[in-house]
N, C-alpha and C. Protein backbone atom coordinates (compact mmCIF):
# COMPACT_ATOMS: atom_id res chain seq x y z
N MET A 1 69.52 -290.33 -109.12
CA MET A 1 70.00 -288.88 -109.36
C MET A 1 69.10 -287.89 -108.60
N SER A 2 69.88 -287.21 -107.93
CA SER A 2 69.22 -286.16 -106.92
C SER A 2 69.26 -284.81 -107.59
N ARG A 3 68.32 -284.12 -107.37
CA ARG A 3 68.40 -282.81 -107.84
C ARG A 3 69.17 -281.94 -106.82
N GLN A 4 69.94 -280.96 -107.29
CA GLN A 4 70.64 -280.22 -106.54
C GLN A 4 70.09 -278.75 -106.68
N ARG A 5 69.97 -278.16 -105.55
CA ARG A 5 69.40 -276.67 -105.38
C ARG A 5 70.41 -275.66 -105.40
N ARG A 6 70.34 -274.80 -106.15
CA ARG A 6 71.37 -273.69 -106.16
C ARG A 6 70.61 -272.42 -105.50
N THR A 7 71.39 -271.86 -104.62
CA THR A 7 71.07 -270.58 -104.02
C THR A 7 71.71 -269.43 -104.67
N VAL A 8 70.84 -268.55 -104.97
CA VAL A 8 71.38 -267.25 -105.61
C VAL A 8 71.29 -266.23 -104.54
N ARG A 9 72.21 -265.39 -104.22
CA ARG A 9 72.10 -264.31 -103.43
C ARG A 9 72.27 -263.12 -104.36
N ILE A 10 71.28 -262.14 -104.01
CA ILE A 10 71.30 -260.73 -104.60
C ILE A 10 72.18 -259.79 -103.84
N VAL A 11 73.28 -259.52 -104.45
CA VAL A 11 74.25 -258.68 -103.65
C VAL A 11 73.73 -257.20 -103.62
N GLU A 12 73.48 -256.67 -104.72
CA GLU A 12 73.26 -255.26 -104.78
C GLU A 12 71.60 -255.16 -105.23
N LYS A 13 71.04 -254.32 -104.51
CA LYS A 13 69.49 -254.17 -104.74
C LYS A 13 69.42 -253.23 -105.90
N ARG A 14 68.66 -253.48 -106.96
CA ARG A 14 68.57 -252.73 -108.11
C ARG A 14 67.62 -251.51 -107.84
N THR A 15 68.03 -250.40 -108.16
CA THR A 15 67.11 -249.12 -107.97
C THR A 15 66.68 -248.58 -109.45
N ILE A 16 65.63 -247.94 -109.42
CA ILE A 16 65.15 -247.40 -110.81
C ILE A 16 66.03 -246.18 -111.07
N PRO A 17 66.69 -246.05 -112.13
CA PRO A 17 67.49 -244.85 -112.49
C PRO A 17 66.76 -243.69 -112.35
N ARG A 18 67.47 -242.69 -112.05
CA ARG A 18 67.03 -241.18 -111.88
C ARG A 18 66.27 -240.61 -113.38
N ALA A 19 66.90 -241.21 -114.48
CA ALA A 19 66.45 -240.84 -115.80
C ALA A 19 65.07 -241.23 -115.95
N ALA A 20 64.56 -242.52 -115.43
CA ALA A 20 63.22 -243.03 -115.65
C ALA A 20 62.29 -242.05 -114.95
N TYR A 21 62.55 -241.52 -113.67
CA TYR A 21 61.82 -240.67 -112.95
C TYR A 21 61.58 -239.39 -113.77
N VAL A 22 62.62 -238.81 -114.29
CA VAL A 22 62.58 -237.56 -114.99
C VAL A 22 61.78 -237.73 -116.25
N SER A 23 62.00 -238.83 -116.95
CA SER A 23 61.00 -239.01 -118.22
C SER A 23 59.64 -239.10 -117.82
N LEU A 24 59.34 -239.92 -116.79
CA LEU A 24 57.85 -240.07 -116.29
C LEU A 24 57.39 -238.65 -116.04
N ALA A 25 58.07 -237.93 -115.34
CA ALA A 25 57.53 -236.55 -114.82
C ALA A 25 57.37 -235.64 -116.14
N ALA A 26 58.35 -235.75 -117.10
CA ALA A 26 58.29 -235.02 -118.31
C ALA A 26 57.00 -235.36 -119.02
N ALA A 27 56.55 -236.68 -119.30
CA ALA A 27 55.52 -237.15 -119.92
C ALA A 27 54.31 -236.63 -119.20
N ALA A 28 54.21 -236.70 -117.99
CA ALA A 28 53.05 -236.25 -117.12
C ALA A 28 52.89 -234.83 -117.44
N ALA A 29 53.88 -233.99 -117.15
CA ALA A 29 53.84 -232.50 -117.48
C ALA A 29 53.25 -232.20 -118.86
N SER A 30 53.72 -233.05 -119.82
CA SER A 30 53.40 -232.71 -121.31
C SER A 30 51.70 -233.02 -121.44
N ALA A 31 51.39 -234.06 -120.81
CA ALA A 31 49.98 -234.43 -120.92
C ALA A 31 49.12 -233.39 -120.25
N ALA A 32 49.58 -232.97 -119.05
CA ALA A 32 48.66 -231.91 -118.28
C ALA A 32 48.69 -230.56 -119.03
N LEU A 33 49.99 -230.16 -119.58
CA LEU A 33 49.96 -228.90 -120.48
C LEU A 33 49.06 -229.04 -121.81
N LEU A 34 49.13 -230.24 -122.47
CA LEU A 34 48.21 -230.50 -123.64
C LEU A 34 46.68 -230.33 -123.25
N PHE A 35 46.26 -231.04 -122.20
CA PHE A 35 44.95 -231.02 -121.61
C PHE A 35 44.53 -229.43 -121.32
N ALA A 36 45.39 -228.79 -120.62
CA ALA A 36 45.14 -227.35 -120.24
C ALA A 36 44.92 -226.48 -121.51
N LEU A 37 45.86 -226.65 -122.54
CA LEU A 37 45.79 -226.09 -123.78
C LEU A 37 44.38 -226.39 -124.54
N TRP A 38 43.98 -227.57 -124.52
CA TRP A 38 42.77 -228.06 -125.21
C TRP A 38 41.60 -227.32 -124.51
N ARG A 39 41.64 -227.32 -123.26
CA ARG A 39 40.45 -226.70 -122.38
C ARG A 39 40.33 -225.29 -122.70
N ALA A 40 41.41 -224.65 -122.87
CA ALA A 40 41.55 -223.12 -123.09
C ALA A 40 41.00 -222.84 -124.43
N LEU A 41 41.32 -223.50 -125.46
CA LEU A 41 40.98 -223.22 -126.77
C LEU A 41 39.72 -223.85 -127.20
N LYS A 42 39.05 -224.72 -126.46
CA LYS A 42 37.85 -225.37 -126.62
C LYS A 42 36.74 -224.31 -126.60
N SER A 43 35.85 -224.26 -127.53
CA SER A 43 34.65 -223.36 -127.49
C SER A 43 33.55 -224.00 -126.66
N ASP A 44 32.96 -223.22 -125.83
CA ASP A 44 31.81 -223.64 -125.08
C ASP A 44 30.47 -223.43 -125.88
N ASP A 45 30.52 -222.73 -126.98
CA ASP A 45 29.38 -222.43 -127.80
C ASP A 45 28.88 -223.89 -128.37
N LEU A 46 27.58 -223.96 -128.38
CA LEU A 46 26.92 -225.11 -128.95
C LEU A 46 27.07 -225.07 -130.52
N GLU A 47 27.64 -226.10 -131.01
CA GLU A 47 27.68 -226.17 -132.61
C GLU A 47 26.46 -226.45 -133.16
N ILE A 48 26.06 -225.73 -134.26
CA ILE A 48 24.91 -225.86 -134.90
C ILE A 48 25.22 -226.74 -136.18
N PRO A 49 24.70 -227.97 -136.22
CA PRO A 49 24.87 -228.82 -137.43
C PRO A 49 24.42 -228.06 -138.68
N LEU A 50 25.22 -228.21 -139.83
CA LEU A 50 24.83 -227.63 -141.15
C LEU A 50 23.63 -228.41 -141.61
N ALA A 51 22.60 -227.56 -141.94
CA ALA A 51 21.34 -228.11 -142.72
C ALA A 51 21.06 -227.32 -143.91
N ARG A 52 20.43 -228.02 -144.87
CA ARG A 52 20.14 -227.38 -146.10
C ARG A 52 18.76 -226.93 -146.02
N SER A 53 18.53 -225.80 -146.76
CA SER A 53 17.10 -225.22 -146.84
C SER A 53 16.45 -225.81 -148.03
N ILE A 54 15.30 -225.61 -147.95
CA ILE A 54 14.41 -226.16 -149.22
C ILE A 54 15.02 -225.50 -150.48
N GLU A 55 15.33 -224.06 -150.38
CA GLU A 55 15.67 -223.43 -151.55
C GLU A 55 17.15 -223.96 -152.11
N ASP A 56 17.87 -224.68 -151.38
CA ASP A 56 19.07 -225.18 -151.61
C ASP A 56 19.17 -226.47 -152.50
N VAL A 57 17.77 -227.01 -152.54
CA VAL A 57 17.80 -228.47 -153.32
C VAL A 57 16.79 -228.43 -154.52
N GLN A 58 16.95 -229.39 -155.36
CA GLN A 58 15.94 -229.53 -156.49
C GLN A 58 14.82 -230.43 -155.91
N LEU A 59 13.59 -229.96 -156.09
CA LEU A 59 12.28 -230.68 -155.76
C LEU A 59 11.52 -231.08 -156.90
N GLU A 60 10.61 -232.09 -156.66
CA GLU A 60 9.55 -232.48 -157.73
C GLU A 60 8.43 -231.42 -157.37
N TRP A 61 8.04 -230.78 -158.48
CA TRP A 61 6.87 -229.82 -158.52
C TRP A 61 5.68 -230.50 -159.39
N ARG A 62 4.53 -230.20 -159.01
CA ARG A 62 3.41 -230.66 -159.82
C ARG A 62 2.34 -229.50 -159.70
N CYS A 63 1.70 -229.26 -161.07
CA CYS A 63 0.53 -228.41 -161.03
C CYS A 63 -0.72 -229.27 -160.93
N GLU A 64 -1.76 -228.49 -160.91
CA GLU A 64 -3.20 -229.06 -160.66
C GLU A 64 -3.51 -230.00 -161.97
N ASP A 65 -3.05 -229.73 -163.09
CA ASP A 65 -3.32 -230.48 -164.32
C ASP A 65 -2.26 -231.81 -164.31
N GLY A 66 -1.49 -232.01 -163.37
CA GLY A 66 -0.75 -233.19 -163.37
C GLY A 66 0.75 -233.13 -164.01
N HIS A 67 1.11 -232.02 -164.52
CA HIS A 67 2.37 -231.99 -164.93
C HIS A 67 3.51 -231.94 -164.00
N ILE A 68 4.40 -232.85 -163.99
CA ILE A 68 5.47 -232.99 -163.07
C ILE A 68 6.84 -232.49 -163.53
N PHE A 69 7.51 -231.75 -162.75
CA PHE A 69 8.95 -231.28 -163.20
C PHE A 69 9.72 -231.10 -161.93
N THR A 70 11.09 -230.90 -162.29
CA THR A 70 12.03 -230.65 -161.20
C THR A 70 12.53 -229.23 -161.33
N ALA A 71 12.64 -228.58 -160.11
CA ALA A 71 13.07 -227.14 -159.86
C ALA A 71 13.53 -226.93 -158.61
N PRO A 72 14.28 -225.88 -158.46
CA PRO A 72 14.80 -225.55 -157.09
C PRO A 72 13.70 -225.18 -156.27
N GLY A 73 13.70 -225.46 -154.81
CA GLY A 73 12.64 -224.99 -153.86
C GLY A 73 12.44 -223.68 -153.85
N ALA A 74 11.26 -223.19 -153.49
CA ALA A 74 10.95 -221.69 -153.47
C ALA A 74 9.77 -221.54 -152.44
N ALA A 75 9.74 -220.29 -151.91
CA ALA A 75 8.71 -220.03 -150.99
C ALA A 75 7.28 -219.84 -151.56
N THR A 76 7.20 -219.47 -152.91
CA THR A 76 5.95 -219.31 -153.47
C THR A 76 5.66 -220.38 -154.55
N PRO A 77 4.44 -220.58 -155.05
CA PRO A 77 4.21 -221.54 -156.13
C PRO A 77 4.91 -220.90 -157.39
N ILE A 78 5.52 -221.78 -158.12
CA ILE A 78 5.99 -221.43 -159.43
C ILE A 78 5.20 -221.81 -160.56
N PRO A 79 5.21 -221.16 -161.81
CA PRO A 79 4.28 -221.63 -162.89
C PRO A 79 4.85 -222.73 -163.55
N CYS A 80 3.88 -223.55 -163.75
CA CYS A 80 4.20 -224.87 -164.65
C CYS A 80 4.76 -224.45 -166.02
N PRO A 81 5.87 -225.15 -166.38
CA PRO A 81 6.64 -224.70 -167.70
C PRO A 81 5.63 -225.39 -168.83
N THR A 82 4.65 -226.22 -168.59
CA THR A 82 3.82 -226.72 -169.63
C THR A 82 2.52 -225.92 -169.95
N CYS A 83 1.95 -225.70 -168.79
CA CYS A 83 0.50 -225.02 -168.81
C CYS A 83 0.47 -223.59 -168.17
N GLY A 84 1.57 -223.22 -167.42
CA GLY A 84 1.62 -221.89 -166.85
C GLY A 84 0.58 -221.92 -165.46
N LYS A 85 0.02 -222.74 -165.06
CA LYS A 85 -0.67 -222.83 -163.73
C LYS A 85 0.36 -222.92 -162.54
N ASP A 86 -0.17 -222.60 -161.38
CA ASP A 86 0.68 -222.67 -160.19
C ASP A 86 1.00 -224.11 -159.92
N ALA A 87 2.31 -224.35 -159.72
CA ALA A 87 2.79 -225.71 -159.31
C ALA A 87 3.41 -225.55 -157.94
N TYR A 88 3.26 -226.61 -157.11
CA TYR A 88 3.77 -226.83 -155.78
C TYR A 88 4.72 -228.04 -155.60
N PRO A 89 5.53 -227.82 -154.56
CA PRO A 89 6.49 -229.11 -154.38
C PRO A 89 5.52 -230.19 -153.90
N ILE A 90 5.89 -231.45 -154.33
CA ILE A 90 5.10 -232.55 -153.96
C ILE A 90 6.03 -233.65 -153.18
N ALA A 91 5.26 -234.42 -152.46
CA ALA A 91 5.88 -235.54 -151.77
C ALA A 91 4.71 -236.61 -151.77
N GLN A 92 5.26 -238.04 -151.81
CA GLN A 92 4.28 -239.06 -151.90
C GLN A 92 3.89 -239.63 -150.43
N PHE A 93 2.66 -239.63 -150.30
CA PHE A 93 2.14 -240.21 -149.00
C PHE A 93 1.29 -241.46 -149.37
N GLN A 94 1.24 -242.34 -148.31
CA GLN A 94 0.37 -243.54 -148.37
C GLN A 94 -0.70 -243.53 -147.36
N CYS A 95 -2.10 -243.89 -148.04
CA CYS A 95 -3.20 -243.89 -147.24
C CYS A 95 -3.26 -245.58 -146.95
N PRO A 96 -3.65 -245.91 -145.78
CA PRO A 96 -3.66 -247.38 -145.43
C PRO A 96 -4.73 -248.06 -146.39
N VAL A 97 -5.92 -247.30 -146.70
CA VAL A 97 -6.89 -247.82 -147.49
C VAL A 97 -6.93 -247.54 -149.00
N HIS A 98 -6.63 -246.25 -149.40
CA HIS A 98 -6.60 -245.77 -150.78
C HIS A 98 -5.44 -245.74 -151.43
N GLY A 99 -4.27 -246.12 -150.79
CA GLY A 99 -2.95 -246.16 -151.52
C GLY A 99 -2.27 -244.85 -151.65
N GLN A 100 -1.31 -244.53 -152.61
CA GLN A 100 -0.49 -243.43 -152.76
C GLN A 100 -1.22 -242.32 -153.29
N PHE A 101 -0.76 -241.08 -152.71
CA PHE A 101 -1.14 -239.80 -152.99
C PHE A 101 -0.03 -238.87 -153.10
N ASP A 102 -0.16 -237.97 -154.20
CA ASP A 102 0.94 -236.75 -154.21
C ASP A 102 0.33 -235.83 -153.29
N VAL A 103 1.17 -235.26 -152.42
CA VAL A 103 0.68 -234.25 -151.41
C VAL A 103 1.40 -232.93 -151.84
N PHE A 104 0.76 -231.88 -152.13
CA PHE A 104 1.17 -230.40 -152.27
C PHE A 104 1.54 -229.82 -151.07
N PHE A 105 2.66 -229.01 -151.04
CA PHE A 105 3.19 -228.18 -149.87
C PHE A 105 3.11 -226.74 -150.26
N ARG A 106 2.72 -225.82 -149.26
CA ARG A 106 2.98 -224.43 -149.29
C ARG A 106 3.96 -223.94 -148.17
N PHE A 107 4.84 -223.07 -148.58
CA PHE A 107 5.87 -222.65 -147.59
C PHE A 107 5.85 -221.19 -147.17
N GLU A 108 6.23 -220.80 -146.13
CA GLU A 108 6.48 -219.45 -145.69
C GLU A 108 7.89 -219.26 -145.09
N LYS A 109 8.33 -218.11 -145.08
CA LYS A 109 9.50 -217.86 -144.31
C LYS A 109 9.38 -217.74 -142.75
N GLY A 110 10.07 -218.47 -142.07
CA GLY A 110 9.99 -218.46 -140.67
C GLY A 110 10.67 -217.36 -139.89
N PRO A 111 10.60 -217.24 -138.72
CA PRO A 111 11.29 -216.07 -138.12
C PRO A 111 12.73 -216.11 -138.26
N ASP A 112 13.25 -217.26 -138.46
CA ASP A 112 14.89 -217.38 -138.54
C ASP A 112 15.11 -217.10 -140.17
N GLY A 113 14.11 -216.88 -140.95
CA GLY A 113 14.43 -216.78 -142.43
C GLY A 113 14.40 -218.03 -143.33
N ARG A 114 14.20 -219.18 -142.69
CA ARG A 114 14.25 -220.30 -143.32
C ARG A 114 12.73 -220.77 -143.78
N LEU A 115 12.78 -221.43 -144.82
CA LEU A 115 11.28 -221.77 -145.31
C LEU A 115 10.76 -222.97 -144.45
N VAL A 116 9.53 -222.84 -143.95
CA VAL A 116 8.84 -223.99 -143.38
C VAL A 116 7.43 -224.22 -143.96
N PRO A 117 7.11 -225.50 -143.99
CA PRO A 117 5.69 -225.81 -144.51
C PRO A 117 4.60 -225.23 -143.62
N THR A 118 3.63 -224.62 -144.33
CA THR A 118 2.44 -224.12 -143.66
C THR A 118 1.05 -224.74 -143.91
N GLU A 119 0.94 -225.26 -145.12
CA GLU A 119 -0.12 -225.96 -145.65
C GLU A 119 0.05 -227.05 -146.50
N VAL A 120 -0.79 -228.11 -146.41
CA VAL A 120 -0.60 -229.22 -147.27
C VAL A 120 -2.03 -229.62 -147.96
N LYS A 121 -2.02 -230.35 -149.11
CA LYS A 121 -3.06 -230.73 -149.70
C LYS A 121 -2.88 -231.89 -150.57
N ALA A 122 -3.69 -233.00 -150.46
CA ALA A 122 -3.53 -234.04 -151.13
C ALA A 122 -4.27 -233.88 -152.54
N VAL A 123 -3.65 -234.33 -153.55
CA VAL A 123 -4.36 -234.20 -154.82
C VAL A 123 -5.79 -234.73 -154.76
N GLY A 124 -6.82 -233.71 -155.10
CA GLY A 124 -8.15 -234.02 -154.99
C GLY A 124 -8.75 -233.71 -153.66
N GLY A 125 -7.89 -233.04 -152.67
CA GLY A 125 -8.28 -232.65 -151.42
C GLY A 125 -8.41 -231.12 -151.25
N LYS A 126 -8.41 -230.75 -150.00
CA LYS A 126 -8.47 -229.24 -149.79
C LYS A 126 -7.07 -228.83 -149.06
N TRP A 127 -6.79 -227.55 -149.18
CA TRP A 127 -5.63 -227.07 -148.28
C TRP A 127 -5.96 -227.12 -146.86
N GLU A 128 -5.06 -227.60 -146.09
CA GLU A 128 -5.24 -227.60 -144.63
C GLU A 128 -3.91 -227.31 -143.90
N PRO A 129 -4.01 -226.91 -142.61
CA PRO A 129 -2.72 -226.57 -141.97
C PRO A 129 -1.76 -227.77 -142.01
N PHE A 130 -0.57 -227.47 -142.03
CA PHE A 130 0.59 -228.39 -142.16
C PHE A 130 0.45 -229.32 -140.77
N THR A 131 0.44 -230.60 -141.12
CA THR A 131 0.86 -231.68 -140.10
C THR A 131 1.62 -232.66 -140.67
N GLU A 132 2.35 -233.48 -139.81
CA GLU A 132 3.27 -234.33 -140.34
C GLU A 132 2.51 -235.63 -140.97
N HIS A 133 1.30 -235.76 -140.80
CA HIS A 133 0.52 -236.70 -141.44
C HIS A 133 -0.77 -236.13 -142.10
N PRO A 134 -0.62 -235.71 -143.41
CA PRO A 134 -1.91 -235.12 -144.12
C PRO A 134 -2.89 -236.16 -144.14
N ARG A 135 -4.10 -235.74 -144.35
CA ARG A 135 -5.38 -236.49 -144.36
C ARG A 135 -5.60 -237.07 -145.87
N CYS A 136 -6.15 -238.32 -145.96
CA CYS A 136 -6.51 -238.79 -147.20
C CYS A 136 -7.52 -238.04 -147.77
N PRO A 137 -7.79 -237.60 -149.00
CA PRO A 137 -8.85 -236.77 -149.51
C PRO A 137 -10.12 -237.59 -149.63
N LYS A 138 -10.04 -239.06 -149.60
CA LYS A 138 -11.12 -239.78 -149.72
C LYS A 138 -11.83 -240.19 -148.28
N CYS A 139 -10.85 -240.71 -147.37
CA CYS A 139 -11.44 -241.18 -146.09
C CYS A 139 -11.02 -240.24 -144.84
N HIS A 140 -10.18 -239.28 -145.18
CA HIS A 140 -9.82 -238.43 -144.06
C HIS A 140 -8.87 -239.11 -142.94
N ARG A 141 -8.22 -240.24 -143.35
CA ARG A 141 -7.41 -240.93 -142.32
C ARG A 141 -6.07 -240.25 -142.45
N PRO A 142 -5.20 -240.30 -141.57
CA PRO A 142 -3.81 -239.72 -141.68
C PRO A 142 -2.99 -240.72 -142.60
N MET A 143 -2.28 -240.03 -143.31
CA MET A 143 -1.39 -240.71 -144.36
C MET A 143 0.02 -240.73 -143.64
N ILE A 144 0.84 -241.74 -144.15
CA ILE A 144 2.30 -241.68 -143.79
C ILE A 144 3.17 -241.56 -145.25
N ARG A 145 4.32 -240.83 -144.92
CA ARG A 145 5.27 -240.59 -145.92
C ARG A 145 5.76 -241.83 -146.51
N GLU A 146 5.68 -241.98 -147.79
CA GLU A 146 6.09 -243.22 -148.50
C GLU A 146 7.67 -243.01 -148.57
N SER A 147 8.52 -243.99 -147.99
CA SER A 147 9.94 -243.80 -147.90
C SER A 147 10.39 -244.33 -149.29
N VAL A 148 11.43 -243.77 -149.74
CA VAL A 148 11.97 -244.16 -151.04
C VAL A 148 13.38 -244.90 -150.62
N ASP A 149 13.67 -246.05 -151.02
CA ASP A 149 14.91 -246.57 -150.93
C ASP A 149 15.69 -246.30 -152.09
N PRO A 150 16.89 -245.54 -151.96
CA PRO A 150 17.72 -245.23 -153.18
C PRO A 150 18.21 -246.47 -153.79
N LEU A 151 18.38 -247.60 -153.04
CA LEU A 151 19.07 -248.75 -153.56
C LEU A 151 18.08 -249.72 -154.26
N ALA A 152 16.71 -249.27 -154.02
CA ALA A 152 15.71 -250.30 -154.64
C ALA A 152 15.76 -249.96 -156.23
N THR A 153 16.21 -248.88 -156.57
CA THR A 153 16.11 -248.59 -158.04
C THR A 153 17.53 -248.73 -158.76
N LYS A 154 18.41 -248.94 -158.03
CA LYS A 154 19.84 -249.19 -158.44
C LYS A 154 19.97 -250.49 -159.00
N GLN A 155 20.42 -250.57 -160.31
CA GLN A 155 20.58 -251.86 -160.91
C GLN A 155 21.96 -252.51 -160.61
N ASP A 156 21.87 -253.88 -160.47
CA ASP A 156 23.03 -254.67 -160.24
C ASP A 156 24.10 -254.52 -161.38
N PRO A 157 25.36 -254.10 -161.12
CA PRO A 157 26.28 -253.95 -162.29
C PRO A 157 26.44 -255.23 -163.12
N GLY A 158 26.31 -256.50 -162.52
CA GLY A 158 26.50 -257.64 -163.26
C GLY A 158 25.27 -257.89 -164.26
N SER A 159 24.16 -257.30 -163.87
CA SER A 159 22.94 -257.70 -164.72
C SER A 159 23.00 -256.60 -165.98
N GLY A 160 22.54 -257.03 -166.97
CA GLY A 160 22.44 -256.10 -168.09
C GLY A 160 22.62 -256.65 -169.39
């Protein structure tokens, strides 16, 4: 059995219809118009991300006698509700040798009106100018901020 070959002749060359060209031109013009409109309405101003001030959040405060309470942030020390002494916002820092310390912060209003830390003091230490790594009151080594993992204190819903 032999295979026969069939020859097919194209009689009429197929052309792209005019409607296809018009549709392509309309789509390109629409895209160009939308791009031009976006460029015209786009602001060249640098967007400033929203940030909260210390005054907008609840902080842990501590007085020299060790009473700890929560209150909104403030530029000045606030009186301790237990003993009436000045209380300051605190954060926990870790000394590589002596362990964890609460560190007091003092704030002042900066040129933009926002509160900025100006002085720090570890419990048992002296007030010193603010640095990112306050010094240990015992060995004067720089301490690092103790990070708090919010998931570490979260209990498994299945336990209980």
